[in-house]
Amino acid sequence: MTEKQHIMIKGVKEGLVFLLDDKCEFAVLLDELQYKLEKTHQQLLTGPLVHVHVKLGARQLGEDDKERIKSVIRSQGNLMVQSIESALEAQDMANQIPTGPHVITGIVRSGQTIEHDGDLLLAGDLNPGGTILCSGDIYVMGALRGVAHAGVNGRTDVIIAASLMRPTQLRIADVISRPPEEWMSGDAAMEFAYLYEGSMQIDKITQLFRLRNNPIKV
């Protein structure tokens, strides 16, 4: 069997990456995979365990065919298959919505700036002179007395919520809050700021369902 060019094997820090041509027949691919492992890459098959990540390109495979690839690779030396992934599967993983906000605990003090890409929950206080910059929602389970900027990348559908809302400044996307004394209710209830028709509004957290209708399912 002459050597084909349907498979490329690259060494990376985590082990080996097998790049499989997504245009040729699957049976041809399996034959070449076995050939390369048996005849061409014996120097890779000695020493400690080597992790292998298989990239399928645009090819979609069922579990049975993935197992056939694993079987060929496992039969050679010290190779262990860590993943078999198509480009579509990788994109789906990248596009998955996070299951919840990133949680940090403590106090953001004067002079400190916390930056996060996504939603952020601070279990603590944001003190005057402290700043939180976030591309998603900001939730402060404590007193918000500093600067909070949600939607730093331009999102306008985000909120800023706090157990005690006494900010130096709130900002959502490019909209900056009015002076705090104009909208602070003095209520002890948790409140949230949001944008409505281009201006910043504030309401009790119990009214968030009007903005985001995600009913609790039991």
N, C-alpha and C. Protein backbone atom coordinates (compact mmCIF):
# COMPACT_ATOMS: atom_id res chain seq x y z
N MET A 1 0.85 -1.20 0.00
CA MET A 1 0.00 0.00 0.00
C MET A 1 0.88 1.24 0.00
N THR A 2 0.72 2.12 -0.97
CA THR A 2 1.48 3.36 -1.01
C THR A 2 0.88 4.35 -0.03
N GLU A 3 1.74 5.24 0.47
CA GLU A 3 1.28 6.17 1.48
C GLU A 3 0.35 7.21 0.88
N LYS A 4 -0.77 7.45 1.54
CA LYS A 4 -1.76 8.42 1.08
C LYS A 4 -1.56 9.75 1.82
N GLN A 5 -2.36 10.71 1.47
CA GLN A 5 -2.29 12.02 2.10
C GLN A 5 -3.62 12.42 2.72
N HIS A 6 -4.38 11.40 3.14
CA HIS A 6 -5.69 11.69 3.72
C HIS A 6 -5.62 11.93 5.22
N ILE A 7 -4.48 11.67 5.83
CA ILE A 7 -4.35 11.82 7.28
C ILE A 7 -3.06 12.57 7.60
N MET A 8 -3.17 13.57 8.46
CA MET A 8 -1.99 14.28 8.97
C MET A 8 -1.93 14.09 10.48
N ILE A 9 -0.74 13.83 10.98
CA ILE A 9 -0.56 13.65 12.41
C ILE A 9 0.39 14.73 12.90
N LYS A 10 -0.09 15.52 13.85
CA LYS A 10 0.70 16.64 14.37
C LYS A 10 0.95 16.47 15.87
N GLY A 11 2.13 16.79 16.29
CA GLY A 11 2.44 16.78 17.70
C GLY A 11 2.12 18.12 18.34
N VAL A 12 1.40 18.09 19.46
CA VAL A 12 1.07 19.30 20.22
C VAL A 12 1.43 19.06 21.68
N LYS A 13 1.32 20.11 22.48
CA LYS A 13 1.70 19.99 23.88
C LYS A 13 0.90 18.92 24.60
N GLU A 14 -0.39 18.76 24.22
CA GLU A 14 -1.26 17.80 24.90
C GLU A 14 -1.09 16.38 24.39
N GLY A 15 -0.32 16.18 23.30
CA GLY A 15 -0.14 14.84 22.74
C GLY A 15 -0.08 14.89 21.23
N LEU A 16 -1.01 14.20 20.56
CA LEU A 16 -1.06 14.16 19.11
C LEU A 16 -2.45 14.58 18.62
N VAL A 17 -2.48 15.24 17.47
CA VAL A 17 -3.74 15.57 16.79
C VAL A 17 -3.74 14.86 15.45
N PHE A 18 -4.78 14.07 15.20
CA PHE A 18 -4.95 13.38 13.92
C PHE A 18 -5.96 14.18 13.10
N LEU A 19 -5.53 14.70 11.97
CA LEU A 19 -6.40 15.47 11.08
C LEU A 19 -6.83 14.56 9.94
N LEU A 20 -8.11 14.20 9.89
CA LEU A 20 -8.62 13.24 8.92
C LEU A 20 -9.35 13.96 7.79
N ASP A 21 -9.01 13.58 6.57
CA ASP A 21 -9.66 14.14 5.39
C ASP A 21 -11.16 13.82 5.43
N ASP A 22 -11.99 14.83 5.22
CA ASP A 22 -13.44 14.60 5.29
C ASP A 22 -14.06 14.32 3.92
N LYS A 23 -13.21 14.17 2.87
CA LYS A 23 -13.74 13.96 1.52
C LYS A 23 -13.64 12.50 1.05
N CYS A 24 -12.65 11.78 1.54
CA CYS A 24 -12.46 10.40 1.05
C CYS A 24 -13.43 9.44 1.74
N GLU A 25 -13.54 8.23 1.18
CA GLU A 25 -14.43 7.22 1.75
C GLU A 25 -13.93 6.82 3.13
N PHE A 26 -14.86 6.50 4.00
CA PHE A 26 -14.51 6.16 5.38
C PHE A 26 -13.65 4.90 5.44
N ALA A 27 -13.97 3.92 4.61
CA ALA A 27 -13.19 2.67 4.61
C ALA A 27 -11.75 2.93 4.20
N VAL A 28 -11.56 3.81 3.22
CA VAL A 28 -10.21 4.17 2.78
C VAL A 28 -9.47 4.87 3.92
N LEU A 29 -10.19 5.71 4.64
CA LEU A 29 -9.60 6.44 5.75
C LEU A 29 -9.10 5.48 6.84
N LEU A 30 -9.94 4.50 7.17
CA LEU A 30 -9.55 3.52 8.19
C LEU A 30 -8.31 2.72 7.77
N ASP A 31 -8.28 2.32 6.48
CA ASP A 31 -7.13 1.56 5.98
C ASP A 31 -5.85 2.38 6.09
N GLU A 32 -5.93 3.64 5.70
CA GLU A 32 -4.74 4.48 5.75
C GLU A 32 -4.31 4.75 7.19
N LEU A 33 -5.30 4.92 8.08
CA LEU A 33 -4.98 5.14 9.49
C LEU A 33 -4.17 3.97 10.05
N GLN A 34 -4.64 2.76 9.77
CA GLN A 34 -3.93 1.58 10.26
C GLN A 34 -2.55 1.47 9.63
N TYR A 35 -2.45 1.78 8.35
CA TYR A 35 -1.18 1.72 7.63
C TYR A 35 -0.17 2.70 8.23
N LYS A 36 -0.60 3.93 8.45
CA LYS A 36 0.31 4.94 9.00
C LYS A 36 0.80 4.54 10.38
N LEU A 37 -0.11 4.03 11.19
CA LEU A 37 0.29 3.67 12.55
C LEU A 37 1.24 2.47 12.57
N GLU A 38 1.02 1.53 11.65
CA GLU A 38 1.84 0.33 11.63
C GLU A 38 3.20 0.54 10.97
N LYS A 39 3.22 1.33 9.90
CA LYS A 39 4.42 1.42 9.07
C LYS A 39 5.19 2.73 9.17
N THR A 40 4.48 3.82 9.47
CA THR A 40 5.11 5.13 9.32
C THR A 40 5.47 5.78 10.64
N HIS A 41 4.69 5.55 11.68
CA HIS A 41 4.87 6.31 12.91
C HIS A 41 5.23 5.43 14.11
N GLN A 42 6.01 4.38 13.85
CA GLN A 42 6.39 3.51 14.95
C GLN A 42 7.21 4.26 16.01
N GLN A 43 7.93 5.31 15.57
CA GLN A 43 8.75 6.05 16.53
C GLN A 43 7.91 6.78 17.57
N LEU A 44 6.63 7.00 17.28
CA LEU A 44 5.75 7.69 18.23
C LEU A 44 5.14 6.74 19.25
N LEU A 45 5.28 5.45 19.02
CA LEU A 45 4.51 4.47 19.78
C LEU A 45 5.32 3.80 20.88
N THR A 46 6.36 4.44 21.33
CA THR A 46 7.15 3.92 22.45
C THR A 46 7.20 4.97 23.54
N GLY A 47 7.46 4.56 24.74
CA GLY A 47 7.56 5.49 25.84
C GLY A 47 6.23 5.64 26.56
N PRO A 48 6.03 6.78 27.24
CA PRO A 48 4.83 6.97 28.05
C PRO A 48 3.57 7.11 27.20
N LEU A 49 2.44 7.06 27.90
CA LEU A 49 1.14 7.16 27.24
C LEU A 49 1.00 8.49 26.50
N VAL A 50 0.48 8.43 25.28
CA VAL A 50 0.29 9.62 24.45
C VAL A 50 -1.20 9.81 24.20
N HIS A 51 -1.71 11.01 24.49
CA HIS A 51 -3.12 11.32 24.26
C HIS A 51 -3.33 11.76 22.81
N VAL A 52 -4.42 11.28 22.21
CA VAL A 52 -4.73 11.57 20.81
C VAL A 52 -6.08 12.27 20.71
N HIS A 53 -6.10 13.36 19.94
CA HIS A 53 -7.34 14.07 19.61
C HIS A 53 -7.55 13.95 18.11
N VAL A 54 -8.70 13.39 17.73
CA VAL A 54 -8.99 13.15 16.31
C VAL A 54 -9.94 14.23 15.81
N LYS A 55 -9.54 14.90 14.73
CA LYS A 55 -10.35 15.95 14.11
C LYS A 55 -10.90 15.43 12.78
N LEU A 56 -12.22 15.43 12.65
CA LEU A 56 -12.89 14.84 11.49
C LEU A 56 -13.17 15.83 10.38
N GLY A 57 -12.88 17.10 10.59
CA GLY A 57 -13.28 18.10 9.61
C GLY A 57 -14.79 18.23 9.57
N ALA A 58 -15.35 18.28 8.35
CA ALA A 58 -16.81 18.40 8.22
C ALA A 58 -17.52 17.05 8.28
N ARG A 59 -16.78 15.98 8.37
CA ARG A 59 -17.38 14.64 8.38
C ARG A 59 -18.16 14.41 9.68
N GLN A 60 -19.37 13.85 9.53
CA GLN A 60 -20.20 13.48 10.68
C GLN A 60 -20.20 11.96 10.81
N LEU A 61 -19.87 11.46 12.00
CA LEU A 61 -19.83 10.02 12.22
C LEU A 61 -20.72 9.62 13.39
N GLY A 62 -21.31 8.42 13.28
CA GLY A 62 -22.06 7.86 14.40
C GLY A 62 -21.11 7.23 15.40
N GLU A 63 -21.66 6.80 16.52
CA GLU A 63 -20.83 6.24 17.59
C GLU A 63 -20.12 4.96 17.15
N ASP A 64 -20.77 4.16 16.30
CA ASP A 64 -20.14 2.91 15.84
C ASP A 64 -18.87 3.20 15.04
N ASP A 65 -18.95 4.16 14.12
CA ASP A 65 -17.78 4.50 13.30
C ASP A 65 -16.69 5.16 14.15
N LYS A 66 -17.08 5.96 15.12
CA LYS A 66 -16.09 6.55 16.02
C LYS A 66 -15.36 5.46 16.80
N GLU A 67 -16.11 4.44 17.18
CA GLU A 67 -15.50 3.33 17.92
C GLU A 67 -14.52 2.57 17.04
N ARG A 68 -14.80 2.48 15.75
CA ARG A 68 -13.89 1.81 14.83
C ARG A 68 -12.57 2.58 14.73
N ILE A 69 -12.64 3.90 14.73
CA ILE A 69 -11.42 4.70 14.72
C ILE A 69 -10.65 4.50 16.01
N LYS A 70 -11.36 4.52 17.13
CA LYS A 70 -10.70 4.32 18.42
C LYS A 70 -10.01 2.95 18.48
N SER A 71 -10.67 1.93 17.93
CA SER A 71 -10.12 0.58 17.97
C SER A 71 -8.81 0.50 17.20
N VAL A 72 -8.75 1.14 16.02
CA VAL A 72 -7.52 1.13 15.22
C VAL A 72 -6.39 1.83 15.98
N ILE A 73 -6.70 2.96 16.58
CA ILE A 73 -5.66 3.73 17.27
C ILE A 73 -5.21 3.02 18.53
N ARG A 74 -6.17 2.46 19.28
CA ARG A 74 -5.82 1.79 20.54
C ARG A 74 -4.98 0.54 20.32
N SER A 75 -5.11 -0.06 19.14
CA SER A 75 -4.38 -1.31 18.88
C SER A 75 -2.89 -1.07 18.68
N GLN A 76 -2.49 0.19 18.59
CA GLN A 76 -1.09 0.50 18.32
C GLN A 76 -0.42 1.12 19.54
N GLY A 77 0.58 0.44 20.06
CA GLY A 77 1.46 1.01 21.06
C GLY A 77 0.76 1.62 22.25
N ASN A 78 1.08 2.89 22.53
CA ASN A 78 0.68 3.56 23.77
C ASN A 78 -0.25 4.73 23.52
N LEU A 79 -1.06 4.66 22.47
CA LEU A 79 -1.94 5.77 22.14
C LEU A 79 -3.29 5.63 22.84
N MET A 80 -3.79 6.74 23.39
CA MET A 80 -5.10 6.76 24.04
C MET A 80 -5.93 7.89 23.42
N VAL A 81 -7.10 7.54 22.90
CA VAL A 81 -7.97 8.52 22.25
C VAL A 81 -8.70 9.34 23.32
N GLN A 82 -8.48 10.64 23.29
CA GLN A 82 -9.14 11.54 24.23
C GLN A 82 -10.43 12.13 23.64
N SER A 83 -10.45 12.38 22.33
CA SER A 83 -11.64 12.97 21.72
C SER A 83 -11.66 12.67 20.23
N ILE A 84 -12.87 12.56 19.69
CA ILE A 84 -13.10 12.48 18.24
C ILE A 84 -14.16 13.52 17.94
N GLU A 85 -13.81 14.52 17.15
CA GLU A 85 -14.67 15.69 17.05
C GLU A 85 -14.72 16.21 15.62
N SER A 86 -15.94 16.52 15.16
CA SER A 86 -16.11 17.18 13.87
C SER A 86 -16.10 18.68 14.06
N ALA A 87 -15.88 19.41 12.98
CA ALA A 87 -15.86 20.86 13.05
C ALA A 87 -17.21 21.41 13.51
N LEU A 88 -18.30 20.76 13.09
CA LEU A 88 -19.64 21.21 13.48
C LEU A 88 -19.86 21.02 14.97
N GLU A 89 -19.40 19.88 15.50
CA GLU A 89 -19.54 19.62 16.93
C GLU A 89 -18.74 20.63 17.75
N ALA A 90 -17.55 20.97 17.26
CA ALA A 90 -16.72 21.94 17.95
C ALA A 90 -17.38 23.31 17.96
N GLN A 91 -18.04 23.66 16.83
CA GLN A 91 -18.72 24.95 16.77
C GLN A 91 -19.92 24.98 17.69
N ASP A 92 -20.65 23.87 17.75
CA ASP A 92 -21.80 23.79 18.65
C ASP A 92 -21.37 23.98 20.10
N MET A 93 -20.23 23.39 20.47
CA MET A 93 -19.71 23.54 21.83
C MET A 93 -19.36 25.00 22.11
N ALA A 94 -18.77 25.66 21.11
CA ALA A 94 -18.36 27.05 21.29
C ALA A 94 -19.57 27.96 21.43
N ASN A 95 -20.69 27.56 20.80
CA ASN A 95 -21.88 28.42 20.81
C ASN A 95 -22.83 28.13 21.96
N GLN A 96 -22.48 27.17 22.80
CA GLN A 96 -23.37 26.85 23.91
C GLN A 96 -23.48 28.02 24.87
N ILE A 97 -24.70 28.26 25.35
CA ILE A 97 -24.95 29.35 26.29
C ILE A 97 -24.51 28.92 27.68
N PRO A 98 -23.75 29.74 28.38
CA PRO A 98 -23.33 29.38 29.74
C PRO A 98 -24.54 29.08 30.62
N THR A 99 -24.39 28.13 31.54
CA THR A 99 -25.51 27.71 32.37
C THR A 99 -25.81 28.70 33.50
N GLY A 100 -24.91 29.59 33.80
CA GLY A 100 -25.15 30.54 34.87
C GLY A 100 -24.02 31.54 34.96
N PRO A 101 -24.18 32.54 35.84
CA PRO A 101 -23.15 33.56 35.95
C PRO A 101 -21.89 33.05 36.63
N HIS A 102 -20.78 33.70 36.33
CA HIS A 102 -19.53 33.43 37.04
C HIS A 102 -19.63 34.05 38.43
N VAL A 103 -19.28 33.31 39.46
CA VAL A 103 -19.45 33.76 40.84
C VAL A 103 -18.10 34.09 41.46
N ILE A 104 -18.01 35.27 42.06
CA ILE A 104 -16.83 35.63 42.85
C ILE A 104 -17.31 36.09 44.22
N THR A 105 -16.47 35.91 45.21
CA THR A 105 -16.83 36.31 46.57
C THR A 105 -15.81 37.29 47.11
N GLY A 106 -16.27 38.17 48.00
CA GLY A 106 -15.36 39.13 48.61
C GLY A 106 -15.86 40.55 48.43
N ILE A 107 -14.95 41.48 48.63
CA ILE A 107 -15.27 42.90 48.53
C ILE A 107 -14.39 43.53 47.45
N VAL A 108 -15.03 44.24 46.52
CA VAL A 108 -14.29 45.00 45.52
C VAL A 108 -14.03 46.38 46.12
N ARG A 109 -12.79 46.65 46.44
CA ARG A 109 -12.44 47.86 47.18
C ARG A 109 -12.06 49.00 46.24
N SER A 110 -11.90 50.18 46.81
CA SER A 110 -11.52 51.35 46.04
C SER A 110 -10.23 51.10 45.28
N GLY A 111 -10.23 51.43 44.01
CA GLY A 111 -9.05 51.24 43.17
C GLY A 111 -9.02 49.90 42.46
N GLN A 112 -9.90 48.97 42.84
CA GLN A 112 -9.93 47.66 42.19
C GLN A 112 -10.92 47.65 41.03
N THR A 113 -10.58 46.93 39.96
CA THR A 113 -11.46 46.77 38.81
C THR A 113 -11.59 45.29 38.48
N ILE A 114 -12.81 44.82 38.42
CA ILE A 114 -13.10 43.43 38.04
C ILE A 114 -13.68 43.44 36.63
N GLU A 115 -13.09 42.66 35.73
CA GLU A 115 -13.58 42.55 34.36
C GLU A 115 -13.96 41.10 34.08
N HIS A 116 -15.08 40.90 33.37
CA HIS A 116 -15.53 39.54 33.06
C HIS A 116 -16.31 39.54 31.76
N ASP A 117 -16.08 38.51 30.94
CA ASP A 117 -16.83 38.32 29.70
C ASP A 117 -17.95 37.33 29.98
N GLY A 118 -19.18 37.83 30.08
CA GLY A 118 -20.34 37.00 30.44
C GLY A 118 -21.05 37.62 31.62
N ASP A 119 -21.91 36.82 32.27
CA ASP A 119 -22.63 37.29 33.46
C ASP A 119 -21.76 37.10 34.70
N LEU A 120 -21.90 38.01 35.65
CA LEU A 120 -21.08 37.97 36.86
C LEU A 120 -21.94 38.16 38.10
N LEU A 121 -21.70 37.33 39.12
CA LEU A 121 -22.37 37.47 40.40
C LEU A 121 -21.30 37.70 41.47
N LEU A 122 -21.40 38.84 42.13
CA LEU A 122 -20.49 39.17 43.24
C LEU A 122 -21.22 38.91 44.55
N ALA A 123 -20.74 37.95 45.32
CA ALA A 123 -21.29 37.70 46.64
C ALA A 123 -20.48 38.53 47.63
N GLY A 124 -20.83 39.78 47.72
CA GLY A 124 -20.10 40.74 48.55
C GLY A 124 -20.46 42.15 48.15
N ASP A 125 -19.66 43.10 48.57
CA ASP A 125 -19.94 44.51 48.31
C ASP A 125 -19.04 45.06 47.22
N LEU A 126 -19.56 46.02 46.48
CA LEU A 126 -18.78 46.84 45.56
C LEU A 126 -18.64 48.22 46.20
N ASN A 127 -17.47 48.51 46.75
CA ASN A 127 -17.26 49.74 47.51
C ASN A 127 -17.06 50.96 46.61
N PRO A 128 -17.27 52.17 47.14
CA PRO A 128 -16.97 53.39 46.36
C PRO A 128 -15.53 53.36 45.87
N GLY A 129 -15.33 53.72 44.60
CA GLY A 129 -14.00 53.68 44.01
C GLY A 129 -13.68 52.36 43.35
N GLY A 130 -14.51 51.32 43.58
CA GLY A 130 -14.35 50.03 42.92
C GLY A 130 -15.18 49.98 41.65
N THR A 131 -14.77 49.13 40.71
CA THR A 131 -15.44 49.08 39.40
C THR A 131 -15.62 47.64 38.96
N ILE A 132 -16.80 47.36 38.38
CA ILE A 132 -17.05 46.08 37.73
C ILE A 132 -17.40 46.36 36.27
N LEU A 133 -16.68 45.72 35.35
CA LEU A 133 -16.93 45.82 33.92
C LEU A 133 -17.29 44.44 33.41
N CYS A 134 -18.44 44.33 32.75
CA CYS A 134 -18.96 43.01 32.40
C CYS A 134 -19.69 43.08 31.06
N SER A 135 -19.51 42.06 30.22
CA SER A 135 -20.23 42.04 28.94
C SER A 135 -21.68 41.60 29.10
N GLY A 136 -21.98 40.89 30.20
CA GLY A 136 -23.34 40.41 30.46
C GLY A 136 -23.97 41.12 31.63
N ASP A 137 -24.80 40.37 32.38
CA ASP A 137 -25.46 40.91 33.57
C ASP A 137 -24.48 41.04 34.72
N ILE A 138 -24.81 41.95 35.64
CA ILE A 138 -24.06 42.08 36.89
C ILE A 138 -25.04 41.92 38.04
N TYR A 139 -24.74 41.00 38.96
CA TYR A 139 -25.55 40.78 40.15
C TYR A 139 -24.65 40.97 41.37
N VAL A 140 -25.02 41.88 42.25
CA VAL A 140 -24.26 42.13 43.47
C VAL A 140 -25.11 41.73 44.66
N MET A 141 -24.70 40.64 45.31
CA MET A 141 -25.43 40.17 46.49
C MET A 141 -24.85 40.87 47.72
N GLY A 142 -25.04 42.17 47.73
CA GLY A 142 -24.51 43.03 48.77
C GLY A 142 -24.78 44.46 48.37
N ALA A 143 -23.95 45.38 48.85
CA ALA A 143 -24.14 46.81 48.54
C ALA A 143 -23.34 47.18 47.30
N LEU A 144 -24.01 47.83 46.36
CA LEU A 144 -23.35 48.34 45.16
C LEU A 144 -23.17 49.84 45.35
N ARG A 145 -21.96 50.24 45.70
CA ARG A 145 -21.69 51.65 45.97
C ARG A 145 -20.64 52.24 45.01
N GLY A 146 -20.11 51.40 44.14
CA GLY A 146 -19.09 51.87 43.21
C GLY A 146 -19.66 52.04 41.81
N VAL A 147 -18.83 51.72 40.80
CA VAL A 147 -19.20 51.85 39.39
C VAL A 147 -19.44 50.47 38.81
N ALA A 148 -20.59 50.28 38.19
CA ALA A 148 -20.93 49.01 37.54
C ALA A 148 -21.31 49.28 36.09
N HIS A 149 -20.60 48.64 35.18
CA HIS A 149 -20.86 48.81 33.75
C HIS A 149 -21.14 47.44 33.14
N ALA A 150 -22.40 47.19 32.80
CA ALA A 150 -22.81 45.96 32.14
C ALA A 150 -22.95 46.22 30.64
N GLY A 151 -22.81 45.16 29.84
CA GLY A 151 -22.92 45.33 28.39
C GLY A 151 -21.78 46.15 27.81
N VAL A 152 -20.56 45.90 28.29
CA VAL A 152 -19.42 46.71 27.85
C VAL A 152 -19.13 46.54 26.36
N ASN A 153 -19.59 45.42 25.77
CA ASN A 153 -19.38 45.19 24.34
C ASN A 153 -20.53 45.72 23.50
N GLY A 154 -21.47 46.41 24.14
CA GLY A 154 -22.57 47.02 23.39
C GLY A 154 -23.93 46.39 23.59
N ARG A 155 -24.02 45.28 24.36
CA ARG A 155 -25.32 44.65 24.60
C ARG A 155 -26.22 45.59 25.40
N THR A 156 -27.47 45.70 24.99
CA THR A 156 -28.42 46.56 25.69
C THR A 156 -29.48 45.77 26.45
N ASP A 157 -29.46 44.44 26.36
CA ASP A 157 -30.47 43.61 27.00
C ASP A 157 -30.01 43.10 28.37
N VAL A 158 -28.96 43.67 28.91
CA VAL A 158 -28.41 43.22 30.18
C VAL A 158 -28.98 44.04 31.33
N ILE A 159 -28.74 43.56 32.56
CA ILE A 159 -29.21 44.27 33.74
C ILE A 159 -28.09 44.39 34.76
N ILE A 160 -28.29 45.30 35.70
CA ILE A 160 -27.42 45.42 36.87
C ILE A 160 -28.32 45.33 38.09
N ALA A 161 -28.10 44.32 38.92
CA ALA A 161 -28.96 44.10 40.09
C ALA A 161 -28.11 44.14 41.35
N ALA A 162 -28.71 44.59 42.46
CA ALA A 162 -27.99 44.66 43.72
C ALA A 162 -28.96 44.57 44.88
N SER A 163 -28.47 44.00 45.97
CA SER A 163 -29.28 43.95 47.19
C SER A 163 -29.49 45.34 47.76
N LEU A 164 -28.46 46.18 47.66
CA LEU A 164 -28.55 47.58 48.08
C LEU A 164 -27.95 48.43 46.98
N MET A 165 -28.79 49.20 46.30
CA MET A 165 -28.37 49.96 45.12
C MET A 165 -28.04 51.39 45.51
N ARG A 166 -26.73 51.66 45.70
CA ARG A 166 -26.27 53.02 46.03
C ARG A 166 -25.03 53.33 45.20
N PRO A 167 -25.11 53.26 43.87
CA PRO A 167 -23.91 53.34 43.04
C PRO A 167 -23.35 54.76 42.89
N THR A 168 -22.06 54.80 42.62
CA THR A 168 -21.47 56.05 42.14
C THR A 168 -21.93 56.29 40.71
N GLN A 169 -21.94 55.21 39.92
CA GLN A 169 -22.43 55.30 38.54
C GLN A 169 -22.82 53.93 38.04
N LEU A 170 -23.91 53.87 37.31
CA LEU A 170 -24.31 52.67 36.58
C LEU A 170 -24.22 52.97 35.09
N ARG A 171 -23.82 51.95 34.33
CA ARG A 171 -23.77 52.13 32.88
C ARG A 171 -24.15 50.81 32.22
N ILE A 172 -25.03 50.90 31.24
CA ILE A 172 -25.42 49.75 30.42
C ILE A 172 -25.14 50.12 28.97
N ALA A 173 -24.28 49.34 28.32
CA ALA A 173 -23.81 49.67 26.96
C ALA A 173 -23.25 51.10 27.01
N ASP A 174 -23.82 52.01 26.24
CA ASP A 174 -23.32 53.40 26.22
C ASP A 174 -24.18 54.35 27.04
N VAL A 175 -25.19 53.81 27.73
CA VAL A 175 -26.12 54.66 28.49
C VAL A 175 -25.65 54.75 29.94
N ILE A 176 -25.44 55.98 30.41
CA ILE A 176 -24.99 56.22 31.77
C ILE A 176 -26.18 56.63 32.63
N SER A 177 -26.22 56.14 33.85
CA SER A 177 -27.35 56.40 34.74
C SER A 177 -27.47 57.87 35.08
N ARG A 178 -28.67 58.25 35.43
CA ARG A 178 -28.92 59.58 35.98
C ARG A 178 -28.28 59.65 37.37
N PRO A 179 -28.14 60.83 37.93
CA PRO A 179 -27.61 60.91 39.30
C PRO A 179 -28.40 60.00 40.23
N PRO A 180 -27.73 59.25 41.09
CA PRO A 180 -28.41 58.24 41.93
C PRO A 180 -29.58 58.81 42.73
N GLU A 181 -29.46 60.05 43.19
CA GLU A 181 -30.53 60.59 44.04
C GLU A 181 -31.85 60.74 43.29
N GLU A 182 -31.80 60.70 41.95
CA GLU A 182 -33.02 60.85 41.18
C GLU A 182 -33.85 59.57 41.14
N TRP A 183 -33.20 58.42 41.33
CA TRP A 183 -33.98 57.19 41.19
C TRP A 183 -33.86 56.24 42.35
N MET A 184 -33.05 56.52 43.33
CA MET A 184 -32.97 55.61 44.47
C MET A 184 -34.28 55.66 45.26
N SER A 185 -34.84 54.49 45.47
CA SER A 185 -36.14 54.43 46.13
C SER A 185 -36.03 54.46 47.64
N GLY A 186 -34.85 54.11 48.15
CA GLY A 186 -34.70 54.03 49.60
C GLY A 186 -35.26 52.74 50.15
N ASP A 187 -35.75 51.88 49.24
CA ASP A 187 -36.32 50.59 49.63
C ASP A 187 -35.21 49.62 50.00
N ALA A 188 -35.51 48.69 50.88
CA ALA A 188 -34.53 47.68 51.26
C ALA A 188 -34.57 46.49 50.30
N ALA A 189 -35.55 46.46 49.40
CA ALA A 189 -35.69 45.33 48.47
C ALA A 189 -34.59 45.38 47.40
N MET A 190 -34.20 44.21 46.93
CA MET A 190 -33.23 44.12 45.85
C MET A 190 -33.80 44.77 44.59
N GLU A 191 -32.96 45.56 43.91
CA GLU A 191 -33.40 46.29 42.72
C GLU A 191 -32.50 45.97 41.54
N PHE A 192 -33.00 46.30 40.34
CA PHE A 192 -32.18 46.11 39.16
C PHE A 192 -32.39 47.27 38.19
N ALA A 193 -31.33 47.60 37.48
CA ALA A 193 -31.36 48.65 36.46
C ALA A 193 -31.38 47.99 35.08
N TYR A 194 -32.09 48.61 34.15
CA TYR A 194 -32.19 48.08 32.80
C TYR A 194 -32.48 49.23 31.85
N LEU A 195 -32.41 48.96 30.55
CA LEU A 195 -32.68 49.99 29.55
C LEU A 195 -34.08 49.81 28.98
N TYR A 196 -34.78 50.93 28.87
CA TYR A 196 -36.09 50.94 28.25
C TYR A 196 -36.16 52.16 27.34
N GLU A 197 -36.31 51.89 26.03
CA GLU A 197 -36.37 52.95 25.03
C GLU A 197 -35.17 53.89 25.15
N GLY A 198 -34.02 53.31 25.38
CA GLY A 198 -32.79 54.08 25.38
C GLY A 198 -32.43 54.80 26.65
N SER A 199 -33.27 54.68 27.68
CA SER A 199 -32.95 55.33 28.96
C SER A 199 -32.92 54.29 30.07
N MET A 200 -32.18 54.60 31.11
CA MET A 200 -32.02 53.64 32.20
C MET A 200 -33.16 53.76 33.19
N GLN A 201 -33.69 52.62 33.58
CA GLN A 201 -34.78 52.53 34.53
C GLN A 201 -34.35 51.64 35.68
N ILE A 202 -35.07 51.71 36.79
CA ILE A 202 -34.80 50.85 37.93
C ILE A 202 -36.11 50.31 38.48
N ASP A 203 -36.08 49.08 38.94
CA ASP A 203 -37.29 48.46 39.46
C ASP A 203 -36.89 47.41 40.48
N LYS A 204 -37.88 46.93 41.23
CA LYS A 204 -37.63 45.86 42.18
C LYS A 204 -37.36 44.56 41.42
N ILE A 205 -36.50 43.71 42.00
CA ILE A 205 -36.11 42.48 41.33
C ILE A 205 -37.30 41.56 41.09
N THR A 206 -38.36 41.71 41.88
CA THR A 206 -39.55 40.88 41.69
C THR A 206 -40.26 41.21 40.37
N GLN A 207 -39.88 42.31 39.74
CA GLN A 207 -40.50 42.70 38.47
C GLN A 207 -39.65 42.29 37.26
N LEU A 208 -38.56 41.58 37.52
CA LEU A 208 -37.68 41.20 36.42
C LEU A 208 -38.40 40.30 35.41
N PHE A 209 -39.40 39.56 35.87
CA PHE A 209 -40.11 38.65 34.97
C PHE A 209 -40.78 39.41 33.83
N ARG A 210 -41.08 40.70 34.03
CA ARG A 210 -41.69 41.49 32.95
C ARG A 210 -40.70 41.70 31.80
N LEU A 211 -39.42 41.70 32.16
CA LEU A 211 -38.37 41.90 31.16
C LEU A 211 -37.91 40.58 30.56
N ARG A 212 -37.86 39.56 31.41
CA ARG A 212 -37.39 38.24 30.99
C ARG A 212 -38.40 37.20 31.45
N ASN A 213 -39.20 36.79 30.53
CA ASN A 213 -40.29 35.87 30.86
C ASN A 213 -39.79 34.44 30.76
N ASN A 214 -39.09 33.98 31.82
CA ASN A 214 -38.61 32.60 31.91
C ASN A 214 -39.27 31.95 33.12
N PRO A 215 -40.51 31.48 32.96
CA PRO A 215 -41.24 30.97 34.12
C PRO A 215 -40.58 29.76 34.76
N ILE A 216 -40.76 29.64 36.07
CA ILE A 216 -40.26 28.48 36.80
C ILE A 216 -41.14 27.28 36.45
N LYS A 217 -40.48 26.16 36.08
CA LYS A 217 -41.22 24.95 35.73
C LYS A 217 -41.08 23.94 36.86
N VAL A 218 -42.22 23.37 37.25
CA VAL A 218 -42.20 22.38 38.33
C VAL A 218 -42.83 21.08 37.82
